[in-house]
């Protein structure tokens, strides 16, 4: 394994409409944002196994570690601590790019013992974060999955997924893809505070519409739900997503593992000092009196009266809006191992 660092300002990204005003305004704001250091890494493997009963997939692929979106609540922030980097600003500005992801995926899928199973792309950090516009690692992964007819799902809060519709739409027509767009709020000001460098809420709704019109099964993730912050918007977000073309929905309550907890509470005091105490009191109410409980079965949904009410609101809203009525499973039977490359073929 080796790593090479590349430093660049955000203005070096190709222009992309994230919904924050004109492209010129967006470019100016990006130039003022902290610069990013890309650390290219050649990994030994790219498929991660899931042993959690709370998650509906068996394997995951994360082309990047760290995420430029800067979402304060991101549960993946502590992973940067394993690299002796901070889960705060380093997580947002020192991005590890797994440049050989497609190569390792091809090797894994070609293994004689490989059996296809449910696979999710970008389960920890967003596979379509800004660095992807230039590096195209996620696209190379999708190309391999497309070639092998391997079903997968992905969750993103980026409109960058639209770039790969030429690959995703044909796979969707074969029952091989489902996309979930994460929308935490319809309030642009709140989104800027919670998710400073992610696409604007209305832009994500347009992404849902674009995907749906292309025939891609698309859902919405209203996650995380933060008491008294974005939680009151649950039903409105679901309705807006349904109107845009979403057919399914899910929600996960706020999780504060390890270093995320002090970072989030500092952010809460800075931006919402009037309700910070109420927010944390409600969080502890659904975590058995603690700031976080990692127990399987409750870590994603919480426990107690408030958590039960959230589940009821989600269920009733989905019933009223016609969401989650048809859950068509992705088809794993179409998988075929990848073709050998020309160099390999010459050996036989």
Foldseek 3Di string as FASTA:
>chain_A
DAKDKDKDQQLPFDFDCLPPPDSVVVSVVSNVDDIAIEIEDADPAFWDADPFPQDDWGIEGEQKQAAQLQQLQQPSLCVVVVVVDHSHVCSNHYMYGNLCHLVRVLVQLQDPPDAAIEYEYQPRHANQGRVCSPSVSVVSNLVQCLQQLHAYEYEHQALSVLVNCVSQLVSQVVQRYEYEHEDQAQDQVLCCLRRVRGRGRVSSLLSLLSCVVSVHAYAYENPAQFPPRRVVCVLVSRLSSVVSRHAAYDYFYGAQPDPSPVSVLVSCCVPPVVCSVVRQVVCCQQAVNDNADPDRPARGQGDDDVSVVSVVVVVVSCVVSNHPPDDDHGDRVSGDRHDDDPVVVVVD
